[in-house]
Structure formats: C-alpha cells, structure tokens
Amino acid sequence: MTDLDGRVILVTGAAKRIGRAIALALAKRGARVAIHYSASRAEAEATAAECGAAPIFAANLESVAEIERLFAEVHRHFGRLDGLVNNAARFTKLDPLTITEADWDFIHDVNLKAVFFCCQQAARLMLPAGGGRIVNISSGGALRPWPYHAHYCASKAGVAHLTRALAVAWAPTLSVNSIAPGVIPFGEENEPGVKALIDKSPARRPGTGDEIAEGVIHFLTASRFTTGQVLAVDGGLSLV
C-alpha cells in the first residue's frame, strides 16, 4: 500500500513525453490515473494499457466547454477526483518581431488559459469533497528568458504565478504547486540549441521524464502545508 493507492488523478496531455512518464509513475504508485489526450489517441491507448487499462478521455483544451465536459466525464467514471496534473502544453520557436495574434493564442490557449480552467473545474470537484492537490507543469522558460520563445515564456511564467494565486485562493483545502522542468529531451539531445543548454547546465546532462514525475509525486503526496511553490527540476540550469 502506498500514499497514492486508489487516489484518482487526472493527467492532461498524458499520451506522450513528460505526461506519459507522469502517468506511468502514478500508476506504479497505485493511483487510478485518468489519461487525457487531444489528438494522439493511439499513443494515449498505449499509455493507458501500461497504466493497467486506465481510461482515456479526449478533449480539446482550447475550448472551455470541452474542459468542462472532460471533468464531468472523469467524475462520472470515477465518482471523485483527488488530484490534477496540468501537463498539456504547446511549444513553438519564433522571432518576437514575427509573432502574430494567432501564434500568441496558439500557445496561450493551451499553456495558460486551459491550465486555469482545468484548475477551476478540479477545484469545483475537490473543494466540496474536502481536499485535493493540483500540480501545474511550468517550464524553465518561466525562470529564464529565451528570446525566441517570448510567447512561450510568458505563458509558462503565467502558470507559475497562477499557481501562487490559486494556492492562496483555495488554501487550506487544496494545495496548488508547480514543477518547472529543465531540458527533458525525447530524441532531441543533439539539436544545437538543446545541446547548448545541456552543456550549460551544472548537471551536465539532460533530465528525464521520470525525474519530473518524482517532483509531481512529491507535491501529490506532501502535506497541504506545502503550497504555492514552484520547484525547478532542471539540473541547476536556472541558477546559471
């Protein structure tokens, strides 16, 4: 028996990459994982199978109506919600002089707006039930300026401060915390920009999805006295 046994935790963007690693780690700890995906159904099904035939839920997080439907379906399936991991995100590289309104909205609709409305829906379920935990995945881009990712950095910095605001709003019943991952490549280790960040990191290596999952598990299992925190899991990259 573990401290996550039987707890229902929704992970957004759980089909691939960091979200998949988080879902698998939670399932190994005994959590009942709800796998959200947007378009990657085959990958979501594969992740769900590795999580002990966990249920999958499709939703376009650009739409608040879809978010509301997602949480209603999760609640109908499990009858409860104990935790939320807001992992789904988008990432693009653009010269700030060329960013359009559409480029900005493409990032912010999922990276920030959807995070807020997922938090809102989770809180509406968990506050009346007496408690719960929310973990938002931010980014090293929230802590350090990346000049060709200004729109992305703004969205992830928003996630970090949103985490603090909601931690105050919903204390002491809910804890709301955030993880800011460093370089967590999935086959991109040798790309020049990625390699430069790895070389600059005090750890001198990239991180892994499992290491991000460790941070998530910490916040999901810690006392609710730990709230409003942003934990950099980045090999020290934010320090240099």
Protein backbone atom coordinates (compact mmCIF):
# COMPACT_ATOMS: atom_id res chain seq x y z
CA MET A 1 0.00 0.00 0.00
CA THR A 2 1.33 3.47 -0.92
CA ASP A 3 0.24 7.02 -0.28
CA LEU A 4 -1.28 7.19 -3.78
CA ASP A 5 -3.20 3.92 -3.63
CA GLY A 6 -6.69 4.38 -5.01
CA ARG A 7 -6.39 8.13 -5.50
CA VAL A 8 -7.93 9.42 -8.72
CA ILE A 9 -5.56 11.71 -10.60
CA LEU A 10 -6.19 13.30 -13.98
CA VAL A 11 -3.11 13.96 -16.11
CA THR A 12 -3.61 16.23 -19.11
CA GLY A 13 -1.51 15.58 -22.20
CA ALA A 14 -0.70 12.12 -20.85
CA ALA A 15 -0.29 10.32 -24.16
CA LYS A 16 3.35 11.19 -24.80
CA ARG A 17 6.61 12.55 -23.44
CA ILE A 18 6.55 14.01 -19.91
CA GLY A 19 2.82 13.41 -19.48
CA ARG A 20 3.26 9.73 -20.27
CA ALA A 21 6.13 9.44 -17.79
CA ILE A 22 4.00 11.07 -15.09
CA ALA A 23 1.02 8.81 -15.78
CA LEU A 24 3.15 5.66 -15.66
CA ALA A 25 4.84 6.73 -12.42
CA LEU A 26 1.50 7.47 -10.77
CA ALA A 27 0.05 4.14 -11.85
CA LYS A 28 3.08 2.32 -10.44
CA ARG A 29 2.38 4.03 -7.10
CA GLY A 30 -1.18 2.71 -7.11
CA ALA A 31 -3.05 5.78 -8.36
CA ARG A 32 -6.11 5.44 -10.54
CA VAL A 33 -5.00 7.54 -13.49
CA ALA A 34 -7.28 9.34 -15.94
CA ILE A 35 -5.42 9.74 -19.25
CA HIS A 36 -6.30 12.89 -21.18
CA TYR A 37 -5.30 13.37 -24.80
CA SER A 38 -6.20 15.75 -27.60
CA ALA A 39 -5.31 14.10 -30.92
CA SER A 40 -2.85 11.30 -30.06
CA ARG A 41 -5.38 8.53 -29.47
CA ALA A 42 -3.08 5.62 -30.36
CA GLU A 43 -0.38 6.89 -28.00
CA ALA A 44 -2.98 7.50 -25.28
CA GLU A 45 -4.24 3.95 -25.62
CA ALA A 46 -0.69 2.62 -25.34
CA THR A 47 -0.03 4.69 -22.23
CA ALA A 48 -3.35 3.62 -20.73
CA ALA A 49 -2.52 -0.05 -21.33
CA GLU A 50 0.77 0.39 -19.45
CA CYS A 51 -1.18 2.04 -16.63
CA GLY A 52 -3.26 -1.07 -16.06
CA ALA A 53 -6.01 -0.35 -18.61
CA ALA A 54 -6.59 3.18 -17.36
CA PRO A 55 -9.47 5.05 -19.02
CA ILE A 56 -8.72 7.64 -21.69
CA PHE A 57 -10.54 10.92 -22.20
CA ALA A 58 -10.36 13.10 -25.33
CA ALA A 59 -10.74 16.87 -25.13
CA ASN A 60 -9.59 19.95 -27.00
CA LEU A 61 -8.27 22.14 -24.18
CA GLU A 62 -8.58 25.27 -26.30
CA SER A 63 -12.30 25.11 -25.51
CA VAL A 64 -13.67 25.78 -22.03
CA ALA A 65 -16.77 23.77 -22.94
CA GLU A 66 -14.53 20.80 -23.77
CA ILE A 67 -12.70 21.21 -20.46
CA GLU A 68 -16.00 21.20 -18.60
CA ARG A 69 -17.04 18.04 -20.46
CA LEU A 70 -13.70 16.38 -19.69
CA PHE A 71 -14.05 16.88 -15.95
CA ALA A 72 -17.68 15.80 -15.99
CA GLU A 73 -16.72 12.57 -17.77
CA VAL A 74 -13.84 11.88 -15.37
CA HIS A 75 -16.15 12.46 -12.41
CA ARG A 76 -18.85 10.21 -13.85
CA HIS A 77 -16.32 7.45 -14.43
CA PHE A 78 -14.59 7.54 -11.04
CA GLY A 79 -17.12 9.29 -8.83
CA ARG A 80 -14.39 11.51 -7.41
CA LEU A 81 -11.21 13.44 -8.17
CA ASP A 82 -8.24 13.64 -5.80
CA GLY A 83 -5.61 15.30 -7.94
CA LEU A 84 -4.90 17.11 -11.19
CA VAL A 85 -1.63 17.33 -13.10
CA ASN A 86 -1.80 20.09 -15.71
CA ASN A 87 0.83 18.88 -18.16
CA ALA A 88 -0.62 19.54 -21.64
CA ALA A 89 1.29 22.28 -23.45
CA ARG A 90 2.45 23.63 -26.78
CA PHE A 91 5.87 24.88 -27.80
CA THR A 92 6.99 26.94 -30.80
CA LYS A 93 10.10 28.96 -31.63
CA LEU A 94 9.54 32.35 -33.26
CA ASP A 95 11.30 35.67 -33.67
CA PRO A 96 9.37 38.10 -31.42
CA LEU A 97 9.12 40.52 -34.36
CA THR A 98 7.16 37.97 -36.37
CA ILE A 99 4.75 36.64 -33.69
CA THR A 100 1.14 37.10 -34.77
CA GLU A 101 -2.03 37.13 -32.72
CA ALA A 102 -2.69 33.59 -33.96
CA ASP A 103 0.79 32.48 -32.85
CA TRP A 104 0.23 34.00 -29.41
CA ASP A 105 -3.22 32.44 -29.00
CA PHE A 106 -1.99 29.03 -30.19
CA ILE A 107 0.39 28.91 -27.24
CA HIS A 108 -1.62 30.73 -24.57
CA ASP A 109 -4.94 28.97 -25.20
CA VAL A 110 -3.45 25.68 -24.02
CA ASN A 111 -0.45 26.70 -21.91
CA LEU A 112 -2.22 29.25 -19.71
CA LYS A 113 -5.94 29.63 -20.35
CA ALA A 114 -6.56 25.89 -20.28
CA VAL A 115 -4.48 25.49 -17.13
CA PHE A 116 -6.66 27.99 -15.32
CA PHE A 117 -9.96 26.45 -16.41
CA CYS A 118 -8.73 22.92 -15.64
CA CYS A 119 -7.75 24.14 -12.17
CA GLN A 120 -11.18 25.74 -11.80
CA GLN A 121 -13.02 22.56 -12.76
CA ALA A 122 -10.82 20.45 -10.48
CA ALA A 123 -11.39 22.81 -7.56
CA ARG A 124 -15.15 22.72 -8.07
CA LEU A 125 -14.98 18.96 -7.58
CA MET A 126 -12.36 18.76 -4.86
CA LEU A 127 -13.25 21.67 -2.58
CA PRO A 128 -16.71 20.31 -1.64
CA ALA A 129 -15.15 16.85 -1.18
CA GLY A 130 -12.75 18.15 1.46
CA GLY A 131 -9.41 18.37 -0.28
CA GLY A 132 -7.10 17.63 -3.15
CA ARG A 133 -3.89 18.55 -4.87
CA ILE A 134 -3.07 20.32 -8.12
CA VAL A 135 0.33 20.26 -9.82
CA ASN A 136 0.91 22.55 -12.79
CA ILE A 137 3.81 21.89 -15.14
CA SER A 138 5.52 25.17 -15.91
CA SER A 139 8.96 25.40 -17.55
CA GLY A 140 12.48 26.60 -17.22
CA GLY A 141 11.30 29.23 -19.68
CA ALA A 142 9.27 30.74 -16.83
CA LEU A 143 12.50 31.32 -14.88
CA ARG A 144 14.97 32.28 -17.61
CA PRO A 145 14.38 34.42 -20.72
CA TRP A 146 14.50 32.56 -24.02
CA PRO A 147 14.50 35.29 -26.70
CA TYR A 148 12.96 33.21 -29.49
CA HIS A 149 10.29 31.81 -27.21
CA ALA A 150 8.95 35.04 -25.70
CA HIS A 151 5.32 33.98 -26.17
CA TYR A 152 6.02 30.57 -24.61
CA CYS A 153 8.00 32.05 -21.71
CA ALA A 154 5.14 34.46 -20.97
CA SER A 155 2.64 31.59 -20.88
CA LYS A 156 4.75 29.48 -18.54
CA ALA A 157 5.59 32.41 -16.25
CA GLY A 158 1.84 32.93 -16.10
CA VAL A 159 1.43 29.32 -14.97
CA ALA A 160 3.94 29.85 -12.17
CA HIS A 161 2.20 32.95 -10.83
CA LEU A 162 -1.27 31.49 -11.39
CA THR A 163 -0.13 28.61 -9.18
CA ARG A 164 0.69 31.04 -6.37
CA ALA A 165 -2.59 32.93 -6.71
CA LEU A 166 -4.72 29.78 -6.65
CA ALA A 167 -2.74 28.36 -3.74
CA VAL A 168 -3.85 31.38 -1.71
CA ALA A 169 -7.40 31.30 -3.05
CA TRP A 170 -8.02 27.64 -2.22
CA ALA A 171 -5.99 27.11 0.94
CA PRO A 172 -6.16 25.22 3.19
CA THR A 173 -8.36 22.69 1.40
CA LEU A 174 -6.33 22.40 -1.80
CA SER A 175 -2.60 22.58 -2.37
CA VAL A 176 -1.51 24.07 -5.69
CA ASN A 177 2.13 23.71 -6.73
CA SER A 178 4.20 23.76 -9.90
CA ILE A 179 7.16 21.97 -11.46
CA ALA A 180 9.49 23.90 -13.80
CA PRO A 181 11.33 21.28 -15.89
CA GLY A 182 14.71 21.94 -17.43
CA VAL A 183 15.92 20.22 -20.59
CA ILE A 184 13.93 16.99 -20.92
CA PRO A 185 14.58 15.84 -24.49
CA PHE A 186 12.86 12.94 -26.22
CA GLY A 187 15.27 12.33 -29.09
CA GLU A 188 16.38 15.97 -29.49
CA GLU A 189 19.56 15.75 -27.39
CA ASN A 190 21.83 16.54 -30.35
CA GLU A 191 19.95 19.56 -31.65
CA PRO A 192 22.30 22.57 -31.32
CA GLY A 193 20.04 24.64 -29.06
CA VAL A 194 19.22 21.70 -26.81
CA LYS A 195 22.85 20.60 -26.62
CA ALA A 196 23.94 24.13 -25.68
CA LEU A 197 21.53 24.16 -22.74
CA ILE A 198 22.66 20.71 -21.61
CA ASP A 199 26.30 21.81 -21.76
CA LYS A 200 25.48 24.93 -19.74
CA SER A 201 23.61 23.01 -17.05
CA PRO A 202 25.55 22.33 -13.83
CA ALA A 203 24.33 18.72 -14.04
CA ARG A 204 25.96 18.41 -17.50
CA ARG A 205 23.19 16.12 -18.70
CA PRO A 206 19.56 16.26 -19.75
CA GLY A 207 16.77 15.33 -17.37
CA THR A 208 14.25 12.56 -17.80
CA GLY A 209 10.51 12.30 -17.67
CA ASP A 210 10.86 10.07 -14.63
CA GLU A 211 12.69 12.84 -12.77
CA ILE A 212 9.85 15.26 -13.48
CA ALA A 213 7.40 12.60 -12.28
CA GLU A 214 9.32 12.37 -8.99
CA GLY A 215 8.68 16.06 -8.40
CA VAL A 216 5.00 15.67 -9.25
CA ILE A 217 4.66 12.75 -6.84
CA HIS A 218 6.30 14.82 -4.11
CA PHE A 219 3.63 17.53 -4.41
CA LEU A 220 0.80 14.99 -4.70
CA THR A 221 1.85 13.24 -1.51
CA ALA A 222 3.24 16.09 0.59
CA SER A 223 1.27 17.77 3.34
CA ARG A 224 -1.03 20.52 2.07
CA PHE A 225 1.14 22.82 4.20
CA THR A 226 3.39 22.80 1.11
CA THR A 227 1.56 25.03 -1.36
CA GLY A 228 2.19 27.80 -3.86
CA GLN A 229 5.68 26.52 -4.64
CA VAL A 230 7.50 26.38 -7.97
CA LEU A 231 10.12 23.62 -8.00
CA ALA A 232 12.79 23.75 -10.70
CA VAL A 233 13.75 20.24 -11.73
CA ASP A 234 16.43 21.36 -14.15
CA GLY A 235 19.88 20.16 -13.14
CA GLY A 236 20.62 23.63 -11.83
CA LEU A 237 20.10 25.35 -15.20
CA SER A 238 18.01 28.14 -13.66
CA LEU A 239 20.96 29.04 -11.43
CA VAL A 240 23.37 29.95 -14.21
